Amino acid sequence: MIGKDLKNILEELKSGKIGVERAIELILDPGYKDINFARVDVDRSRRRDFPEVIFCEGKSDDQVVKIFEELGKYSLNLLGTRANHSTFEMVKKIFPQARYNHVGRTITIEREKPSEKGSILIISAGTSDLPVLEECFETARIMGNKVSRLVDVGVAGIHRILYNVDLLDSAKVIIVIAGMDGALPSVVAGLVKKPIIAVPTSVGYGANFNGLAPLLTMLNNCSGGIGVVNIDNGFGAAYLASLINKIGEE
C-alpha cells in the first residue's frame, strides 16, 4: 500500500464513510489472493491500469480457469497469452464472452468495450511472423488502444513498406516484428519520427539461431529511436506501446 492509499482510507474513516473494522480490513489487505498454487495479483489493475495477464503456457487448464475466475471478481476485461484451445474451451464455460485468437494463442474476455485511444501500428516483416503479431494485436487492443496491422512488408521487397509511409506517419507508436535477418525496424525508423518497438522472432533458417540473429541486429540498429523486446515477445511489445501511446491521452 502506498501513502496515498493509506491517506484516503484514513480520510474516509475520519469522515464516517467507513467504520473502524472496514478501515483495518483495507489497511491489512495484501493486494493478492492466495489460491494455493498461485498468489493472484488482484490489485494490479489499480496500480497499472490493467489486471494481471495470465501466461497460460506451463499451467494446467484447471489452474488457468481458477486464475481467470479469481481475477474476474475484480476486473471486467481479462487477457491470457500462450493458451491452447482446450484451455479456452474450459474458460469459455465460465466466461461465455471469452474469445480465442487461434493464430496469436490468446484468450480475451471483454465485459465492457475497451477504449480506442491514440494509434498503434503493428508491422510484420513476413506472414510467418503472424503468431507474434496477433498476440501483440490482441494485447494492445484489449488494453484500450486503437490498433492497426500492416503485414508482410519485409526488406526483401522494400517497395512494400515505402508504399505505406502515409500509414506509418499516422501512427503514434509503431511495433515492428521481424525474424530472418531482423532488418526491418531500422528501415522503418529511418522513415518516420515515431518511437519504434522492435520484436525479433524465432522465424528463420539455422543461422537465425531461434531469433538470436534478429535480436542482435535490432540491438545493433543504426537508425536510432528503437527499443527492443525479447524474442517472440508480442505481449511485452504491446504493453510498452500501450504505455507510450496513452501519454497525454488521459
Protein backbone atom coordinates (compact mmCIF):
# COMPACT_ATOMS: atom_id res chain seq x y z
CA MET A 1 0.00 0.00 0.00
CA ILE A 2 1.33 3.42 -0.95
CA GLY A 3 0.97 6.56 1.16
CA LYS A 4 -1.84 7.99 -0.96
CA ASP A 5 -3.98 4.89 -0.41
CA LEU A 6 -3.46 4.97 3.34
CA LYS A 7 -4.33 8.67 3.42
CA ASN A 8 -7.57 8.02 1.52
CA ILE A 9 -8.55 5.25 3.93
CA LEU A 10 -7.90 7.44 6.98
CA GLU A 11 -9.83 10.35 5.46
CA GLU A 12 -12.81 8.07 4.75
CA LEU A 13 -12.62 6.78 8.33
CA LYS A 14 -12.49 10.32 9.70
CA SER A 15 -15.47 11.43 7.59
CA GLY A 16 -17.51 8.43 8.66
CA LYS A 17 -17.77 6.86 5.17
CA ILE A 18 -16.26 3.65 6.54
CA GLY A 19 -16.04 2.17 10.02
CA VAL A 20 -13.00 1.08 12.02
CA GLU A 21 -13.34 -2.60 11.09
CA ARG A 22 -13.50 -1.79 7.36
CA ALA A 23 -10.51 0.54 7.67
CA ILE A 24 -8.47 -2.21 9.34
CA GLU A 25 -9.53 -4.67 6.63
CA LEU A 26 -8.40 -2.30 3.87
CA ILE A 27 -5.08 -1.49 5.56
CA LEU A 28 -4.25 -5.17 6.11
CA ASP A 29 -5.32 -6.25 2.61
CA PRO A 30 -2.13 -7.61 0.94
CA GLY A 31 -3.45 -6.90 -2.58
CA TYR A 32 -3.35 -10.53 -3.69
CA LYS A 33 -5.42 -13.68 -3.23
CA ASP A 34 -3.71 -16.93 -2.28
CA ILE A 35 -5.36 -19.82 -4.16
CA ASN A 36 -2.76 -22.40 -3.07
CA PHE A 37 -0.91 -22.81 -6.38
CA ALA A 38 -0.83 -19.07 -7.19
CA ARG A 39 -0.93 -15.68 -5.50
CA VAL A 40 -3.20 -13.75 -7.83
CA ASP A 41 -2.37 -10.04 -8.03
CA VAL A 42 -5.89 -8.60 -7.78
CA ASP A 43 -4.54 -5.11 -7.09
CA ARG A 44 -2.64 -4.74 -10.36
CA SER A 45 -5.47 -3.08 -12.25
CA ARG A 46 -5.48 -0.21 -9.77
CA ARG A 47 -1.68 0.14 -9.85
CA ARG A 48 -1.09 -0.31 -13.58
CA ASP A 49 -4.48 0.33 -15.22
CA PHE A 50 -4.80 -3.27 -16.44
CA PRO A 51 -5.24 -6.51 -14.48
CA GLU A 52 -2.66 -9.26 -14.19
CA VAL A 53 -2.24 -11.05 -17.53
CA ILE A 54 -2.25 -14.84 -17.36
CA PHE A 55 0.67 -16.62 -19.05
CA CYS A 56 -1.11 -19.92 -19.75
CA GLU A 57 1.80 -21.98 -21.07
CA GLY A 58 3.07 -24.42 -18.44
CA LYS A 59 -0.12 -24.22 -16.38
CA SER A 60 -2.85 -26.85 -16.36
CA ASP A 61 -6.24 -25.98 -17.84
CA ASP A 62 -7.76 -26.15 -14.37
CA GLN A 63 -5.16 -23.75 -12.94
CA VAL A 64 -5.75 -21.23 -15.72
CA VAL A 65 -9.52 -21.37 -15.22
CA LYS A 66 -9.21 -20.78 -11.48
CA ILE A 67 -6.92 -17.79 -12.02
CA PHE A 68 -9.37 -16.34 -14.55
CA GLU A 69 -12.21 -16.87 -12.06
CA GLU A 70 -10.35 -15.03 -9.29
CA LEU A 71 -9.29 -12.12 -11.50
CA GLY A 72 -12.79 -11.92 -12.92
CA LYS A 73 -14.12 -10.95 -9.50
CA TYR A 74 -12.14 -7.71 -9.68
CA SER A 75 -11.82 -6.82 -13.39
CA LEU A 76 -14.26 -6.86 -16.30
CA ASN A 77 -11.69 -7.36 -19.06
CA LEU A 78 -9.02 -10.07 -18.91
CA LEU A 79 -6.23 -11.47 -21.08
CA GLY A 80 -4.46 -14.81 -21.24
CA THR A 81 -1.46 -15.46 -23.51
CA ARG A 82 0.15 -18.62 -24.93
CA ALA A 83 -3.07 -20.54 -24.42
CA ASN A 84 -4.12 -23.70 -26.20
CA HIS A 85 -7.64 -24.39 -27.47
CA SER A 86 -8.54 -26.86 -24.73
CA THR A 87 -7.80 -24.20 -22.12
CA PHE A 88 -10.01 -21.75 -24.00
CA GLU A 89 -12.91 -24.23 -24.09
CA MET A 90 -12.76 -24.59 -20.29
CA VAL A 91 -12.53 -20.83 -19.74
CA LYS A 92 -15.50 -20.27 -22.06
CA LYS A 93 -17.70 -22.45 -19.84
CA ILE A 94 -17.16 -19.93 -17.03
CA PHE A 95 -16.97 -16.79 -19.18
CA PRO A 96 -19.25 -17.07 -22.27
CA GLN A 97 -17.76 -13.78 -23.55
CA ALA A 98 -14.31 -15.40 -23.92
CA ARG A 99 -12.78 -15.22 -27.39
CA TYR A 100 -9.82 -17.21 -28.74
CA ASN A 101 -7.31 -16.00 -31.32
CA HIS A 102 -6.05 -19.24 -32.84
CA VAL A 103 -3.03 -17.64 -34.51
CA GLY A 104 -1.94 -15.49 -31.56
CA ARG A 105 -2.98 -18.12 -28.95
CA THR A 106 -4.68 -15.51 -26.77
CA ILE A 107 -7.83 -15.65 -24.68
CA THR A 108 -9.63 -12.33 -24.23
CA ILE A 109 -12.62 -11.65 -22.03
CA GLU A 110 -14.42 -8.37 -22.65
CA ARG A 111 -17.33 -7.50 -20.40
CA GLU A 112 -17.01 -3.85 -21.28
CA LYS A 113 -15.82 -2.37 -24.57
CA PRO A 114 -12.17 -1.27 -24.41
CA SER A 115 -11.42 2.34 -25.30
CA GLU A 116 -9.58 3.11 -28.54
CA LYS A 117 -7.00 5.71 -27.61
CA GLY A 118 -4.17 7.04 -29.76
CA SER A 119 -2.87 4.91 -32.59
CA ILE A 120 -0.59 1.87 -32.55
CA LEU A 121 0.55 0.33 -35.83
CA ILE A 122 1.87 -3.24 -35.77
CA ILE A 123 4.04 -4.29 -38.71
CA SER A 124 5.29 -7.77 -39.56
CA ALA A 125 8.10 -8.49 -41.98
CA GLY A 126 6.59 -11.79 -43.12
CA THR A 127 3.47 -13.93 -42.88
CA SER A 128 5.40 -16.40 -40.71
CA ASP A 129 5.60 -13.67 -38.05
CA LEU A 130 1.81 -13.56 -37.68
CA PRO A 131 1.59 -15.54 -34.40
CA VAL A 132 3.65 -12.84 -32.67
CA LEU A 133 1.76 -10.05 -34.46
CA GLU A 134 -1.62 -11.44 -33.39
CA GLU A 135 -0.54 -11.78 -29.75
CA CYS A 136 0.66 -8.20 -29.97
CA PHE A 137 -2.57 -7.01 -31.59
CA GLU A 138 -4.90 -8.64 -29.07
CA THR A 139 -2.85 -7.33 -26.15
CA ALA A 140 -2.78 -3.75 -27.40
CA ARG A 141 -6.47 -3.77 -28.32
CA ILE A 142 -7.84 -5.07 -25.00
CA MET A 143 -5.61 -2.58 -23.15
CA GLY A 144 -7.62 0.23 -24.71
CA ASN A 145 -5.69 1.31 -27.80
CA LYS A 146 -6.65 1.95 -31.38
CA VAL A 147 -4.63 -0.67 -33.28
CA SER A 148 -3.98 -1.44 -36.93
CA ARG A 149 -1.87 -4.01 -38.78
CA LEU A 150 0.50 -3.94 -41.76
CA VAL A 151 1.51 -7.46 -42.76
CA ASP A 152 4.27 -8.93 -44.95
CA VAL A 153 6.30 -5.83 -45.80
CA GLY A 154 9.82 -7.16 -45.21
CA VAL A 155 13.01 -5.75 -46.70
CA ALA A 156 13.17 -8.38 -49.46
CA GLY A 157 10.53 -6.25 -51.19
CA ILE A 158 11.35 -2.80 -49.85
CA HIS A 159 8.76 -1.11 -52.09
CA ARG A 160 6.02 -2.65 -49.94
CA ILE A 161 6.95 -0.55 -46.90
CA LEU A 162 7.71 2.55 -48.96
CA TYR A 163 4.23 2.37 -50.46
CA ASN A 164 2.75 2.63 -46.93
CA VAL A 165 4.70 5.57 -45.48
CA ASP A 166 1.46 7.54 -45.03
CA LEU A 167 0.17 4.76 -42.76
CA LEU A 168 3.41 4.86 -40.76
CA ASP A 169 3.06 8.63 -40.35
CA SER A 170 -0.47 8.29 -38.99
CA ALA A 171 0.60 6.14 -36.01
CA LYS A 172 1.71 7.41 -32.60
CA VAL A 173 3.75 4.26 -31.84
CA ILE A 174 4.98 1.58 -34.24
CA ILE A 175 5.78 -2.03 -33.39
CA VAL A 176 7.94 -3.83 -35.95
CA ILE A 177 8.10 -7.63 -35.86
CA ALA A 178 10.72 -9.49 -37.88
CA GLY A 179 12.61 -12.77 -37.99
CA MET A 180 15.26 -13.87 -40.52
CA ASP A 181 17.82 -11.03 -40.57
CA GLY A 182 15.70 -8.66 -38.48
CA ALA A 183 16.50 -5.60 -40.60
CA LEU A 184 13.01 -4.10 -40.93
CA PRO A 185 12.94 -1.97 -37.71
CA SER A 186 15.98 0.06 -38.84
CA VAL A 187 14.32 0.73 -42.20
CA VAL A 188 11.06 1.87 -40.58
CA ALA A 189 12.87 4.04 -38.01
CA GLY A 190 14.72 5.74 -40.83
CA LEU A 191 11.44 6.80 -42.46
CA VAL A 192 9.44 8.31 -39.59
CA LYS A 193 9.79 10.31 -36.37
CA LYS A 194 7.93 7.83 -34.17
CA PRO A 195 9.02 5.60 -31.29
CA ILE A 196 9.72 2.13 -32.69
CA ILE A 197 9.43 -1.06 -30.66
CA ALA A 198 11.24 -3.95 -32.34
CA VAL A 199 10.32 -7.59 -31.78
CA PRO A 200 12.69 -10.30 -33.04
CA THR A 201 11.03 -13.62 -33.87
CA SER A 202 12.36 -17.17 -33.95
CA VAL A 203 11.41 -17.44 -37.64
CA GLY A 204 14.37 -18.24 -39.89
CA TYR A 205 16.92 -20.80 -41.06
CA GLY A 206 19.72 -22.29 -38.96
CA ALA A 207 21.91 -19.22 -38.55
CA ASN A 208 18.86 -17.37 -37.25
CA PHE A 209 19.58 -19.26 -34.01
CA ASN A 210 15.89 -19.27 -32.99
CA GLY A 211 15.68 -15.49 -33.02
CA LEU A 212 19.12 -14.60 -31.65
CA ALA A 213 20.34 -13.27 -35.01
CA PRO A 214 17.48 -10.74 -35.48
CA LEU A 215 17.71 -9.81 -31.79
CA LEU A 216 21.36 -8.82 -32.24
CA THR A 217 20.58 -6.98 -35.48
CA MET A 218 17.88 -4.95 -33.74
CA LEU A 219 20.11 -4.17 -30.77
CA ASN A 220 22.81 -3.00 -33.18
CA ASN A 221 20.46 -0.78 -35.22
CA CYS A 222 21.83 2.42 -36.67
CA SER A 223 18.60 4.41 -37.13
CA GLY A 224 18.03 5.41 -33.51
CA GLY A 225 14.73 5.65 -31.66
CA ILE A 226 14.32 1.88 -31.47
CA GLY A 227 13.63 -0.09 -28.31
CA VAL A 228 13.94 -3.88 -28.46
CA VAL A 229 12.00 -6.52 -26.51
CA ASN A 230 12.68 -10.22 -26.13
CA ILE A 231 12.38 -12.86 -28.85
CA ASP A 232 8.73 -13.60 -29.81
CA ASN A 233 7.51 -11.25 -27.06
CA GLY A 234 4.50 -9.71 -28.75
CA PHE A 235 2.84 -9.22 -25.36
CA GLY A 236 5.75 -7.21 -23.96
CA ALA A 237 5.94 -5.02 -27.06
CA ALA A 238 2.21 -4.27 -26.92
CA TYR A 239 2.28 -3.45 -23.22
CA LEU A 240 5.13 -0.97 -23.72
CA ALA A 241 3.44 0.51 -26.79
CA SER A 242 0.22 0.96 -24.82
CA LEU A 243 2.00 2.93 -22.09
CA ILE A 244 3.69 5.18 -24.67
CA ASN A 245 0.52 5.57 -26.74
CA LYS A 246 -1.52 6.79 -23.76
CA ILE A 247 0.88 9.54 -22.72
CA GLY A 248 -1.16 12.72 -22.91
CA GLU A 249 -4.37 10.78 -23.62
CA GLU A 250 -5.68 10.54 -20.05
